Amino acid sequence: MTTNHIKHDIDTTARPEWLRLPKSGERCALTGLSRSALNELILPNYVNNFDPPVKSVSLRKPGQVRGVRLIHTASLLLYLESLARVESDPSQSPAADSSKIRMADSKCEVHLNKERSEHL
């Protein structure tokens, strides 16, 4: 009798799907970005042409004024990677990169909507 050894690739660098927006004066544990830098990426504002490139959600109970802001990790990392690609190859168009990000965001949204509907 022989035993087959199956190799399993285990991702020891598992990341959370959502990151909490760091407290004021602190930095993101994953990226090192400040709270204000992350806010420029996740909230509509003049800097991002009122179209945030990174997906986030605000968790609040009905009637509450304050909530918890969560940042979608994959969306944030995809955006940062697109910036690195543009820096390494200046011939790449930022508009093309932003369309890729939007497409990835829409795929994330479809995935999230599917998960939500499964839990209902």
PDB file of N, CA and C in Angstrom:
ATOM      1  N   MET A   1       0.845  -1.168   0.000  1.00  0.00           N
ATOM      2  CA  MET A   1       0.000   0.000   0.000  1.00  0.00           C
ATOM      3  C   MET A   1       0.898   1.241   0.000  1.00  0.00           C
ATOM      4  N   THR A   2       0.617   2.155  -0.878  1.00  0.00           N
ATOM      5  CA  THR A   2       1.421   3.381  -0.949  1.00  0.00           C
ATOM      6  C   THR A   2       0.578   4.569  -0.510  1.00  0.00           C
ATOM      7  N   THR A   3       1.283   5.532   0.011  1.00  0.00           N
ATOM      8  CA  THR A   3       0.614   6.762   0.437  1.00  0.00           C
ATOM      9  C   THR A   3       1.006   7.876  -0.507  1.00  0.00           C
ATOM     10  N   ASN A   4       0.031   8.523  -1.054  1.00  0.00           N
ATOM     11  CA  ASN A   4       0.301   9.666  -1.926  1.00  0.00           C
ATOM     12  C   ASN A   4       0.361  10.918  -1.078  1.00  0.00           C
ATOM     13  N   HIS A   5       1.449  11.627  -1.232  1.00  0.00           N
ATOM     14  CA  HIS A   5       1.588  12.892  -0.518  1.00  0.00           C
ATOM     15  C   HIS A   5       1.124  14.013  -1.434  1.00  0.00           C
ATOM     16  N   ILE A   6       0.157  14.738  -0.974  1.00  0.00           N
ATOM     17  CA  ILE A   6      -0.381  15.843  -1.752  1.00  0.00           C
ATOM     18  C   ILE A   6       0.169  17.136  -1.179  1.00  0.00           C
ATOM     19  N   LYS A   7       0.765  17.911  -2.062  1.00  0.00           N
ATOM     20  CA  LYS A   7       1.323  19.185  -1.629  1.00  0.00           C
ATOM     21  C   LYS A   7       0.218  20.243  -1.691  1.00  0.00           C
ATOM     22  N   HIS A   8      -0.005  20.912  -0.578  1.00  0.00           N
ATOM     23  CA  HIS A   8      -0.988  21.973  -0.516  1.00  0.00           C
ATOM     24  C   HIS A   8      -0.261  23.297  -0.393  1.00  0.00           C
ATOM     25  N   ASP A   9      -0.580  24.210  -1.271  1.00  0.00           N
ATOM     26  CA  ASP A   9      -0.012  25.550  -1.176  1.00  0.00           C
ATOM     27  C   ASP A   9      -0.872  26.359  -0.216  1.00  0.00           C
ATOM     28  N   ILE A  10      -0.296  26.711   0.892  1.00  0.00           N
ATOM     29  CA  ILE A  10      -1.017  27.482   1.888  1.00  0.00           C
ATOM     30  C   ILE A  10      -0.488  28.899   1.853  1.00  0.00           C
ATOM     31  N   ASP A  11      -1.386  29.843   1.688  1.00  0.00           N
ATOM     32  CA  ASP A  11      -1.011  31.247   1.661  1.00  0.00           C
ATOM     33  C   ASP A  11      -0.855  31.725   3.095  1.00  0.00           C
ATOM     34  N   THR A  12       0.391  31.875   3.520  1.00  0.00           N
ATOM     35  CA  THR A  12       0.634  32.312   4.895  1.00  0.00           C
ATOM     36  C   THR A  12       0.559  33.826   5.022  1.00  0.00           C
ATOM     37  N   THR A  13       0.412  34.513   3.906  1.00  0.00           N
ATOM     38  CA  THR A  13       0.313  35.968   3.936  1.00  0.00           C
ATOM     39  C   THR A  13      -1.120  36.400   3.662  1.00  0.00           C
ATOM     40  N   ALA A  14      -2.068  35.689   4.225  1.00  0.00           N
ATOM     41  CA  ALA A  14      -3.478  36.006   4.001  1.00  0.00           C
ATOM     42  C   ALA A  14      -3.765  37.428   4.466  1.00  0.00           C
ATOM     43  N   ARG A  15      -4.507  38.145   3.638  1.00  0.00           N
ATOM     44  CA  ARG A  15      -4.874  39.525   3.955  1.00  0.00           C
ATOM     45  C   ARG A  15      -6.370  39.574   4.200  1.00  0.00           C
ATOM     46  N   PRO A  16      -6.785  40.489   5.038  1.00  0.00           N
ATOM     47  CA  PRO A  16      -8.236  40.644   5.227  1.00  0.00           C
ATOM     48  C   PRO A  16      -8.866  41.212   3.961  1.00  0.00           C
ATOM     49  N   GLU A  17     -10.113  40.884   3.724  1.00  0.00           N
ATOM     50  CA  GLU A  17     -10.798  41.401   2.546  1.00  0.00           C
ATOM     51  C   GLU A  17     -11.092  42.890   2.702  1.00  0.00           C
ATOM     52  N   TRP A  18     -11.283  43.334   3.945  1.00  0.00           N
ATOM     53  CA  TRP A  18     -11.590  44.732   4.233  1.00  0.00           C
ATOM     54  C   TRP A  18     -10.643  45.247   5.295  1.00  0.00           C
ATOM     55  N   LEU A  19     -10.193  46.492   5.132  1.00  0.00           N
ATOM     56  CA  LEU A  19      -9.334  47.163   6.110  1.00  0.00           C
ATOM     57  C   LEU A  19     -10.113  48.291   6.754  1.00  0.00           C
ATOM     58  N   ARG A  20      -9.929  48.460   8.038  1.00  0.00           N
ATOM     59  CA  ARG A  20     -10.552  49.587   8.718  1.00  0.00           C
ATOM     60  C   ARG A  20      -9.710  50.835   8.460  1.00  0.00           C
ATOM     61  N   LEU A  21     -10.372  51.954   8.196  1.00  0.00           N
ATOM     62  CA  LEU A  21      -9.673  53.213   8.015  1.00  0.00           C
ATOM     63  C   LEU A  21      -8.930  53.525   9.312  1.00  0.00           C
ATOM     64  N   PRO A  22      -7.616  53.791   9.244  1.00  0.00           N
ATOM     65  CA  PRO A  22      -6.861  54.013  10.484  1.00  0.00           C
ATOM     66  C   PRO A  22      -7.324  55.271  11.216  1.00  0.00           C
ATOM     67  N   LYS A  23      -7.059  55.300  12.513  1.00  0.00           N
ATOM     68  CA  LYS A  23      -7.400  56.467  13.324  1.00  0.00           C
ATOM     69  C   LYS A  23      -6.556  57.646  12.880  1.00  0.00           C
ATOM     70  N   SER A  24      -7.037  58.838  13.198  1.00  0.00           N
ATOM     71  CA  SER A  24      -6.315  60.058  12.855  1.00  0.00           C
ATOM     72  C   SER A  24      -4.920  60.029  13.484  1.00  0.00           C
ATOM     73  N   GLY A  25      -3.913  60.351  12.683  1.00  0.00           N
ATOM     74  CA  GLY A  25      -2.535  60.345  13.166  1.00  0.00           C
ATOM     75  C   GLY A  25      -1.843  59.009  13.024  1.00  0.00           C
ATOM     76  N   GLU A  26      -2.585  57.961  12.659  1.00  0.00           N
ATOM     77  CA  GLU A  26      -1.999  56.633  12.461  1.00  0.00           C
ATOM     78  C   GLU A  26      -1.924  56.324  10.979  1.00  0.00           C
ATOM     79  N   ARG A  27      -1.210  55.259  10.661  1.00  0.00           N
ATOM     80  CA  ARG A  27      -1.035  54.847   9.266  1.00  0.00           C
ATOM     81  C   ARG A  27      -1.621  53.459   9.045  1.00  0.00           C
ATOM     82  N   CYS A  28      -1.955  53.187   7.806  1.00  0.00           N
ATOM     83  CA  CYS A  28      -2.490  51.880   7.419  1.00  0.00           C
ATOM     84  C   CYS A  28      -1.408  50.828   7.649  1.00  0.00           C
ATOM     85  N   ALA A  29      -1.761  49.753   8.335  1.00  0.00           N
ATOM     86  CA  ALA A  29      -0.792  48.701   8.643  1.00  0.00           C
ATOM     87  C   ALA A  29      -0.315  47.979   7.384  1.00  0.00           C
ATOM     88  N   LEU A  30      -1.132  47.938   6.349  1.00  0.00           N
ATOM     89  CA  LEU A  30      -0.780  47.206   5.128  1.00  0.00           C
ATOM     90  C   LEU A  30       0.040  48.056   4.161  1.00  0.00           C
ATOM     91  N   THR A  31      -0.353  49.317   3.971  1.00  0.00           N
ATOM     92  CA  THR A  31       0.288  50.147   2.952  1.00  0.00           C
ATOM     93  C   THR A  31       1.183  51.249   3.510  1.00  0.00           C
ATOM     94  N   GLY A  32       0.966  51.623   4.759  1.00  0.00           N
ATOM     95  CA  GLY A  32       1.725  52.717   5.350  1.00  0.00           C
ATOM     96  C   GLY A  32       1.177  54.091   4.998  1.00  0.00           C
ATOM     97  N   LEU A  33       0.038  54.127   4.287  1.00  0.00           N
ATOM     98  CA  LEU A  33      -0.563  55.398   3.913  1.00  0.00           C
ATOM     99  C   LEU A  33      -1.275  56.026   5.112  1.00  0.00           C
ATOM    100  N   SER A  34      -1.277  57.349   5.146  1.00  0.00           N
ATOM    101  CA  SER A  34      -1.955  58.056   6.226  1.00  0.00           C
ATOM    102  C   SER A  34      -3.467  58.019   6.017  1.00  0.00           C
ATOM    103  N   ARG A  35      -4.196  58.360   7.057  1.00  0.00           N
ATOM    104  CA  ARG A  35      -5.651  58.409   6.975  1.00  0.00           C
ATOM    105  C   ARG A  35      -6.104  59.386   5.892  1.00  0.00           C
ATOM    106  N   SER A  36      -5.469  60.556   5.833  1.00  0.00           N
ATOM    107  CA  SER A  36      -5.879  61.561   4.851  1.00  0.00           C
ATOM    108  C   SER A  36      -5.568  61.096   3.420  1.00  0.00           C
ATOM    109  N   ALA A  37      -4.451  60.412   3.214  1.00  0.00           N
ATOM    110  CA  ALA A  37      -4.127  59.891   1.882  1.00  0.00           C
ATOM    111  C   ALA A  37      -5.155  58.843   1.459  1.00  0.00           C
ATOM    112  N   LEU A  38      -5.554  57.977   2.387  1.00  0.00           N
ATOM    113  CA  LEU A  38      -6.568  56.968   2.084  1.00  0.00           C
ATOM    114  C   LEU A  38      -7.912  57.634   1.804  1.00  0.00           C
ATOM    115  N   ASN A  39      -8.249  58.663   2.565  1.00  0.00           N
ATOM    116  CA  ASN A  39      -9.514  59.372   2.330  1.00  0.00           C
ATOM    117  C   ASN A  39      -9.564  59.958   0.924  1.00  0.00           C
ATOM    118  N   GLU A  40      -8.436  60.447   0.418  1.00  0.00           N
ATOM    119  CA  GLU A  40      -8.402  60.976  -0.941  1.00  0.00           C
ATOM    120  C   GLU A  40      -8.659  59.889  -1.982  1.00  0.00           C
ATOM    121  N   LEU A  41      -8.355  58.647  -1.630  1.00  0.00           N
ATOM    122  CA  LEU A  41      -8.560  57.534  -2.556  1.00  0.00           C
ATOM    123  C   LEU A  41      -9.951  56.930  -2.459  1.00  0.00           C
ATOM    124  N   ILE A  42     -10.614  57.060  -1.310  1.00  0.00           N
ATOM    125  CA  ILE A  42     -11.881  56.356  -1.108  1.00  0.00           C
ATOM    126  C   ILE A  42     -13.114  57.246  -1.105  1.00  0.00           C
ATOM    127  N   LEU A  43     -12.936  58.553  -0.892  1.00  0.00           N
ATOM    128  CA  LEU A  43     -14.078  59.462  -0.846  1.00  0.00           C
ATOM    129  C   LEU A  43     -14.069  60.389  -2.053  1.00  0.00           C
ATOM    130  N   PRO A  44     -15.247  60.703  -2.610  1.00  0.00           N
ATOM    131  CA  PRO A  44     -15.289  61.625  -3.748  1.00  0.00           C
ATOM    132  C   PRO A  44     -14.753  63.000  -3.338  1.00  0.00           C
ATOM    133  N   ASN A  45     -13.802  63.502  -4.092  1.00  0.00           N
ATOM    134  CA  ASN A  45     -13.232  64.813  -3.803  1.00  0.00           C
ATOM    135  C   ASN A  45     -12.585  65.383  -5.062  1.00  0.00           C
ATOM    136  N   TYR A  46     -12.114  66.615  -4.944  1.00  0.00           N
ATOM    137  CA  TYR A  46     -11.503  67.308  -6.070  1.00  0.00           C
ATOM    138  C   TYR A  46     -10.284  66.554  -6.605  1.00  0.00           C
ATOM    139  N   VAL A  47      -9.475  65.986  -5.721  1.00  0.00           N
ATOM    140  CA  VAL A  47      -8.240  65.302  -6.113  1.00  0.00           C
ATOM    141  C   VAL A  47      -8.529  64.125  -7.049  1.00  0.00           C
ATOM    142  N   ASN A  48      -9.596  63.351  -6.759  1.00  0.00           N
ATOM    143  CA  ASN A  48      -9.895  62.183  -7.597  1.00  0.00           C
ATOM    144  C   ASN A  48     -11.032  62.468  -8.589  1.00  0.00           C
ATOM    145  N   ASN A  49     -11.270  63.760  -8.836  1.00  0.00           N
ATOM    146  CA  ASN A  49     -12.294  64.163  -9.795  1.00  0.00           C
ATOM    147  C   ASN A  49     -13.680  63.647  -9.401  1.00  0.00           C
ATOM    148  N   PHE A  50     -13.920  63.553  -8.115  1.00  0.00           N
ATOM    149  CA  PHE A  50     -15.180  63.103  -7.532  1.00  0.00           C
ATOM    150  C   PHE A  50     -15.572  61.696  -7.974  1.00  0.00           C
ATOM    151  N   ASP A  51     -14.550  60.888  -8.272  1.00  0.00           N
ATOM    152  CA  ASP A  51     -14.745  59.484  -8.660  1.00  0.00           C
ATOM    153  C   ASP A  51     -13.661  58.651  -7.980  1.00  0.00           C
ATOM    154  N   PRO A  52     -13.902  58.209  -6.739  1.00  0.00           N
ATOM    155  CA  PRO A  52     -12.861  57.509  -5.979  1.00  0.00           C
ATOM    156  C   PRO A  52     -12.380  56.239  -6.685  1.00  0.00           C
ATOM    157  N   PRO A  53     -11.064  56.074  -6.807  1.00  0.00           N
ATOM    158  CA  PRO A  53     -10.533  54.888  -7.478  1.00  0.00           C
ATOM    159  C   PRO A  53     -10.519  53.640  -6.596  1.00  0.00           C
ATOM    160  N   VAL A  54     -10.727  53.806  -5.297  1.00  0.00           N
ATOM    161  CA  VAL A  54     -10.685  52.672  -4.371  1.00  0.00           C
ATOM    162  C   VAL A  54     -12.039  52.518  -3.693  1.00  0.00           C
ATOM    163  N   LYS A  55     -12.508  51.294  -3.632  1.00  0.00           N
ATOM    164  CA  LYS A  55     -13.823  50.979  -3.081  1.00  0.00           C
ATOM    165  C   LYS A  55     -13.785  50.970  -1.552  1.00  0.00           C
ATOM    166  N   SER A  56     -14.836  51.538  -0.948  1.00  0.00           N
ATOM    167  CA  SER A  56     -14.973  51.506   0.504  1.00  0.00           C
ATOM    168  C   SER A  56     -16.449  51.485   0.862  1.00  0.00           C
ATOM    169  N   VAL A  57     -16.724  51.112   2.100  1.00  0.00           N
ATOM    170  CA  VAL A  57     -18.099  51.114   2.604  1.00  0.00           C
ATOM    171  C   VAL A  57     -18.107  51.726   3.994  1.00  0.00           C
ATOM    172  N   SER A  58     -19.253  52.284   4.360  1.00  0.00           N
ATOM    173  CA  SER A  58     -19.433  52.815   5.701  1.00  0.00           C
ATOM    174  C   SER A  58     -20.487  51.973   6.391  1.00  0.00           C
ATOM    175  N   LEU A  59     -20.117  51.371   7.501  1.00  0.00           N
ATOM    176  CA  LEU A  59     -21.056  50.567   8.266  1.00  0.00           C
ATOM    177  C   LEU A  59     -21.679  51.434   9.352  1.00  0.00           C
ATOM    178  N   ARG A  60     -22.996  51.608   9.276  1.00  0.00           N
ATOM    179  CA  ARG A  60     -23.714  52.381  10.280  1.00  0.00           C
ATOM    180  C   ARG A  60     -25.045  51.714  10.540  1.00  0.00           C
ATOM    181  N   LYS A  61     -25.481  51.805  11.752  1.00  0.00           N
ATOM    182  CA  LYS A  61     -26.823  51.345  12.079  1.00  0.00           C
ATOM    183  C   LYS A  61     -27.798  52.442  11.665  1.00  0.00           C
ATOM    184  N   PRO A  62     -29.017  52.079  11.316  1.00  0.00           N
ATOM    185  CA  PRO A  62     -29.995  53.098  10.914  1.00  0.00           C
ATOM    186  C   PRO A  62     -30.148  54.175  11.993  1.00  0.00           C
ATOM    187  N   GLY A  63     -30.106  55.416  11.566  1.00  0.00           N
ATOM    188  CA  GLY A  63     -30.268  56.538  12.479  1.00  0.00           C
ATOM    189  C   GLY A  63     -28.980  57.025  13.117  1.00  0.00           C
ATOM    190  N   GLN A  64     -27.904  56.269  12.954  1.00  0.00           N
ATOM    191  CA  GLN A  64     -26.631  56.700  13.526  1.00  0.00           C
ATOM    192  C   GLN A  64     -25.937  57.693  12.611  1.00  0.00           C
ATOM    193  N   VAL A  65     -25.235  58.646  13.219  1.00  0.00           N
ATOM    194  CA  VAL A  65     -24.475  59.630  12.453  1.00  0.00           C
ATOM    195  C   VAL A  65     -23.102  59.078  12.122  1.00  0.00           C
ATOM    196  N   ARG A  66     -22.491  58.411  13.072  1.00  0.00           N
ATOM    197  CA  ARG A  66     -21.143  57.871  12.872  1.00  0.00           C
ATOM    198  C   ARG A  66     -21.184  56.398  12.498  1.00  0.00           C
ATOM    199  N   GLY A  67     -20.148  55.987  11.791  1.00  0.00           N
ATOM    200  CA  GLY A  67     -20.032  54.593  11.405  1.00  0.00           C
ATOM    201  C   GLY A  67     -18.572  54.202  11.336  1.00  0.00           C
ATOM    202  N   VAL A  68     -18.318  53.049  10.787  1.00  0.00           N
ATOM    203  CA  VAL A  68     -16.958  52.552  10.602  1.00  0.00           C
ATOM    204  C   VAL A  68     -16.703  52.486   9.107  1.00  0.00           C
ATOM    205  N   ARG A  69     -15.636  53.113   8.653  1.00  0.00           N
ATOM    206  CA  ARG A  69     -15.277  53.112   7.237  1.00  0.00           C
ATOM    207  C   ARG A  69     -14.341  51.941   6.976  1.00  0.00           C
ATOM    208  N   LEU A  70     -14.716  51.072   6.034  1.00  0.00           N
ATOM    209  CA  LEU A  70     -13.897  49.926   5.642  1.00  0.00           C
ATOM    210  C   LEU A  70     -13.460  50.089   4.192  1.00  0.00           C
ATOM    211  N   ILE A  71     -12.213  49.741   3.926  1.00  0.00           N
ATOM    212  CA  ILE A  71     -11.627  49.859   2.589  1.00  0.00           C
ATOM    213  C   ILE A  71     -11.465  48.469   2.001  1.00  0.00           C
ATOM    214  N   HIS A  72     -11.887  48.295   0.757  1.00  0.00           N
ATOM    215  CA  HIS A  72     -11.750  46.996   0.101  1.00  0.00           C
ATOM    216  C   HIS A  72     -10.273  46.784  -0.257  1.00  0.00           C
ATOM    217  N   THR A  73      -9.651  45.808   0.363  1.00  0.00           N
ATOM    218  CA  THR A  73      -8.212  45.578   0.232  1.00  0.00           C
ATOM    219  C   THR A  73      -7.787  45.352  -1.217  1.00  0.00           C
ATOM    220  N   ALA A  74      -8.507  44.497  -1.939  1.00  0.00           N
ATOM    221  CA  ALA A  74      -8.130  44.185  -3.319  1.00  0.00           C
ATOM    222  C   ALA A  74      -8.176  45.437  -4.195  1.00  0.00           C
ATOM    223  N   SER A  75      -9.192  46.267  -3.989  1.00  0.00           N
ATOM    224  CA  SER A  75      -9.318  47.500  -4.755  1.00  0.00           C
ATOM    225  C   SER A  75      -8.155  48.452  -4.471  1.00  0.00           C
ATOM    226  N   LEU A  76      -7.781  48.572  -3.202  1.00  0.00           N
ATOM    227  CA  LEU A  76      -6.665  49.442  -2.814  1.00  0.00           C
ATOM    228  C   LEU A  76      -5.352  48.948  -3.413  1.00  0.00           C
ATOM    229  N   LEU A  77      -5.083  47.652  -3.288  1.00  0.00           N
ATOM    230  CA  LEU A  77      -3.828  47.105  -3.796  1.00  0.00           C
ATOM    231  C   LEU A  77      -3.767  47.159  -5.318  1.00  0.00           C
ATOM    232  N   LEU A  78      -4.885  46.934  -5.976  1.00  0.00           N
ATOM    233  CA  LEU A  78      -4.929  47.021  -7.431  1.00  0.00           C
ATOM    234  C   LEU A  78      -4.619  48.442  -7.890  1.00  0.00           C
ATOM    235  N   TYR A  79      -5.171  49.417  -7.201  1.00  0.00           N
ATOM    236  CA  TYR A  79      -4.893  50.811  -7.540  1.00  0.00           C
ATOM    237  C   TYR A  79      -3.412  51.137  -7.347  1.00  0.00           C
ATOM    238  N   LEU A  80      -2.842  50.731  -6.218  1.00  0.00           N
ATOM    239  CA  LEU A  80      -1.429  51.009  -5.961  1.00  0.00           C
ATOM    240  C   LEU A  80      -0.530  50.312  -6.973  1.00  0.00           C
ATOM    241  N   GLU A  81      -0.888  49.084  -7.362  1.00  0.00           N
ATOM    242  CA  GLU A  81      -0.105  48.366  -8.378  1.00  0.00           C
ATOM    243  C   GLU A  81      -0.171  49.082  -9.715  1.00  0.00           C
ATOM    244  N   SER A  82      -1.327  49.654 -10.045  1.00  0.00           N
ATOM    245  CA  SER A  82      -1.450  50.382 -11.311  1.00  0.00           C
ATOM    246  C   SER A  82      -0.551  51.613 -11.307  1.00  0.00           C
ATOM    247  N   LEU A  83      -0.413  52.265 -10.155  1.00  0.00           N
ATOM    248  CA  LEU A  83       0.494  53.406 -10.053  1.00  0.00           C
ATOM    249  C   LEU A  83       1.942  52.969 -10.252  1.00  0.00           C
ATOM    250  N   ALA A  84       2.299  51.815  -9.707  1.00  0.00           N
ATOM    251  CA  ALA A  84       3.662  51.303  -9.853  1.00  0.00           C
ATOM    252  C   ALA A  84       3.951  50.965 -11.317  1.00  0.00           C
ATOM    253  N   ARG A  85       2.963  50.407 -12.026  1.00  0.00           N
ATOM    254  CA  ARG A  85       3.153  50.079 -13.444  1.00  0.00           C
ATOM    255  C   ARG A  85       3.357  51.345 -14.260  1.00  0.00           C
ATOM    256  N   VAL A  86       2.594  52.388 -13.978  1.00  0.00           N
ATOM    257  CA  VAL A  86       2.721  53.641 -14.716  1.00  0.00           C
ATOM    258  C   VAL A  86       4.082  54.270 -14.460  1.00  0.00           C
ATOM    259  N   GLU A  87       4.562  54.210 -13.210  1.00  0.00           N
ATOM    260  CA  GLU A  87       5.873  54.766 -12.889  1.00  0.00           C
ATOM    261  C   GLU A  87       6.997  54.011 -13.586  1.00  0.00           C
ATOM    262  N   SER A  88       6.869  52.690 -13.684  1.00  0.00           N
ATOM    263  CA  SER A  88       7.933  51.904 -14.307  1.00  0.00           C
ATOM    264  C   SER A  88       7.893  51.986 -15.828  1.00  0.00           C
ATOM    265  N   ASP A  89       6.726  52.277 -16.399  1.00  0.00           N
ATOM    266  CA  ASP A  89       6.585  52.408 -17.849  1.00  0.00           C
ATOM    267  C   ASP A  89       5.739  53.641 -18.148  1.00  0.00           C
ATOM    268  N   PRO A  90       6.369  54.820 -18.276  1.00  0.00           N
ATOM    269  CA  PRO A  90       5.629  56.070 -18.475  1.00  0.00           C
ATOM    270  C   PRO A  90       4.774  56.110 -19.736  1.00  0.00           C
ATOM    271  N   SER A  91       5.017  55.186 -20.676  1.00  0.00           N
ATOM    272  CA  SER A  91       4.228  55.199 -21.908  1.00  0.00           C
ATOM    273  C   SER A  91       2.809  54.683 -21.685  1.00  0.00           C
ATOM    274  N   GLN A  92       2.577  54.056 -20.526  1.00  0.00           N
ATOM    275  CA  GLN A  92       1.237  53.566 -20.233  1.00  0.00           C
ATOM    276  C   GLN A  92       0.312  54.744 -19.949  1.00  0.00           C
ATOM    277  N   SER A  93      -0.879  54.651 -20.450  1.00  0.00           N
ATOM    278  CA  SER A  93      -1.852  55.726 -20.262  1.00  0.00           C
ATOM    279  C   SER A  93      -2.556  55.583 -18.920  1.00  0.00           C
ATOM    280  N   PRO A  94      -2.590  56.636 -18.099  1.00  0.00           N
ATOM    281  CA  PRO A  94      -3.336  56.576 -16.843  1.00  0.00           C
ATOM    282  C   PRO A  94      -4.812  56.295 -17.067  1.00  0.00           C
ATOM    283  N   ALA A  95      -5.374  56.783 -18.179  1.00  0.00           N
ATOM    284  CA  ALA A  95      -6.789  56.533 -18.468  1.00  0.00           C
ATOM    285  C   ALA A  95      -7.037  55.051 -18.684  1.00  0.00           C
ATOM    286  N   ALA A  96      -6.115  54.369 -19.358  1.00  0.00           N
ATOM    287  CA  ALA A  96      -6.268  52.927 -19.566  1.00  0.00           C
ATOM    288  C   ALA A  96      -6.190  52.193 -18.244  1.00  0.00           C
ATOM    289  N   ASP A  97      -5.278  52.618 -17.371  1.00  0.00           N
ATOM    290  CA  ASP A  97      -5.178  51.984 -16.068  1.00  0.00           C
ATOM    291  C   ASP A  97      -6.437  52.187 -15.246  1.00  0.00           C
ATOM    292  N   SER A  98      -7.024  53.375 -15.289  1.00  0.00           N
ATOM    293  CA  SER A  98      -8.218  53.617 -14.496  1.00  0.00           C
ATOM    294  C   SER A  98      -9.384  52.785 -15.008  1.00  0.00           C
ATOM    295  N   SER A  99      -9.443  52.527 -16.320  1.00  0.00           N
ATOM    296  CA  SER A  99     -10.516  51.679 -16.824  1.00  0.00           C
ATOM    297  C   SER A  99     -10.332  50.249 -16.345  1.00  0.00           C
ATOM    298  N   LYS A 100      -9.075  49.787 -16.243  1.00  0.00           N
ATOM    299  CA  LYS A 100      -8.819  48.451 -15.704  1.00  0.00           C
ATOM    300  C   LYS A 100      -9.244  48.372 -14.249  1.00  0.00           C
ATOM    301  N   ILE A 101      -8.975  49.440 -13.513  1.00  0.00           N
ATOM    302  CA  ILE A 101      -9.362  49.474 -12.102  1.00  0.00           C
ATOM    303  C   ILE A 101     -10.877  49.432 -11.991  1.00  0.00           C
ATOM    304  N   ARG A 102     -11.574  50.206 -12.814  1.00  0.00           N
ATOM    305  CA  ARG A 102     -13.034  50.220 -12.770  1.00  0.00           C
ATOM    306  C   ARG A 102     -13.577  48.829 -13.092  1.00  0.00           C
ATOM    307  N   MET A 103     -12.965  48.150 -14.097  1.00  0.00           N
ATOM    308  CA  MET A 103     -13.410  46.815 -14.445  1.00  0.00           C
ATOM    309  C   MET A 103     -13.189  45.870 -13.266  1.00  0.00           C
ATOM    310  N   ALA A 104     -12.041  45.948 -12.629  1.00  0.00           N
ATOM    311  CA  ALA A 104     -11.760  45.097 -11.472  1.00  0.00           C
ATOM    312  C   ALA A 104     -12.722  45.416 -10.346  1.00  0.00           C
ATOM    313  N   ASP A 105     -13.019  46.699 -10.138  1.00  0.00           N
ATOM    314  CA  ASP A 105     -13.976  47.088  -9.112  1.00  0.00           C
ATOM    315  C   ASP A 105     -15.346  46.504  -9.402  1.00  0.00           C
ATOM    316  N   SER A 106     -15.755  46.512 -10.684  1.00  0.00           N
ATOM    317  CA  SER A 106     -17.064  45.967 -11.014  1.00  0.00           C
ATOM    318  C   SER A 106     -17.089  44.466 -10.784  1.00  0.00           C
ATOM    319  N   LYS A 107     -15.967  43.781 -11.042  1.00  0.00           N
ATOM    320  CA  LYS A 107     -15.897  42.352 -10.751  1.00  0.00           C
ATOM    321  C   LYS A 107     -15.993  42.111  -9.254  1.00  0.00           C
ATOM    322  N   CYS A 108     -15.328  42.966  -8.472  1.00  0.00           N
ATOM    323  CA  CYS A 108     -15.428  42.853  -7.014  1.00  0.00           C
ATOM    324  C   CYS A 108     -16.863  43.070  -6.570  1.00  0.00           C
ATOM    325  N   GLU A 109     -17.521  44.049  -7.167  1.00  0.00           N
ATOM    326  CA  GLU A 109     -18.905  44.369  -6.803  1.00  0.00           C
ATOM    327  C   GLU A 109     -19.826  43.193  -7.119  1.00  0.00           C
ATOM    328  N   VAL A 110     -19.648  42.577  -8.289  1.00  0.00           N
ATOM    329  CA  VAL A 110     -20.446  41.413  -8.652  1.00  0.00           C
ATOM    330  C   VAL A 110     -20.222  40.304  -7.645  1.00  0.00           C
ATOM    331  N   HIS A 111     -18.958  40.071  -7.278  1.00  0.00           N
ATOM    332  CA  HIS A 111     -18.627  39.034  -6.303  1.00  0.00           C
ATOM    333  C   HIS A 111     -19.273  39.343  -4.958  1.00  0.00           C
ATOM    334  N   LEU A 112     -19.203  40.599  -4.522  1.00  0.00           N
ATOM    335  CA  LEU A 112     -19.786  40.987  -3.242  1.00  0.00           C
ATOM    336  C   LEU A 112     -21.288  40.862  -3.261  1.00  0.00           C
ATOM    337  N   ASN A 113     -21.936  41.262  -4.365  1.00  0.00           N
ATOM    338  CA  ASN A 113     -23.387  41.141  -4.467  1.00  0.00           C
ATOM    339  C   ASN A 113     -23.808  39.677  -4.442  1.00  0.00           C
ATOM    340  N   LYS A 114     -23.022  38.811  -5.084  1.00  0.00           N
ATOM    341  CA  LYS A 114     -23.318  37.386  -5.082  1.00  0.00           C
ATOM    342  C   LYS A 114     -23.244  36.833  -3.667  1.00  0.00           C
ATOM    343  N   GLU A 115     -22.186  37.222  -2.927  1.00  0.00           N
ATOM    344  CA  GLU A 115     -22.044  36.755  -1.545  1.00  0.00           C
ATOM    345  C   GLU A 115     -23.197  37.243  -0.682  1.00  0.00           C
ATOM    346  N   ARG A 116     -23.593  38.493  -0.861  1.00  0.00           N
ATOM    347  CA  ARG A 116     -24.711  39.054  -0.085  1.00  0.00           C
ATOM    348  C   ARG A 116     -25.986  38.300  -0.354  1.00  0.00           C
ATOM    349  N   SER A 117     -26.250  38.003  -1.628  1.00  0.00           N
ATOM    350  CA  SER A 117     -27.500  37.321  -1.973  1.00  0.00           C
ATOM    351  C   SER A 117     -27.502  35.886  -1.438  1.00  0.00           C
ATOM    352  N   GLU A 118     -26.338  35.266  -1.329  1.00  0.00           N
ATOM    353  CA  GLU A 118     -26.264  33.908  -0.789  1.00  0.00           C
ATOM    354  C   GLU A 118     -26.585  33.884   0.698  1.00  0.00           C
ATOM    355  N   HIS A 119     -26.293  34.998   1.376  1.00  0.00           N
ATOM    356  CA  HIS A 119     -26.525  35.056   2.823  1.00  0.00           C
ATOM    357  C   HIS A 119     -27.956  35.437   3.165  1.00  0.00           C
ATOM    358  N   LEU A 120     -28.730  35.870   2.174  1.00  0.00           N
ATOM    359  CA  LEU A 120     -30.112  36.280   2.449  1.00  0.00           C
ATOM    360  C   LEU A 120     -31.050  35.118   2.496  1.00  0.00           C
TER     361      LEU A 120
END
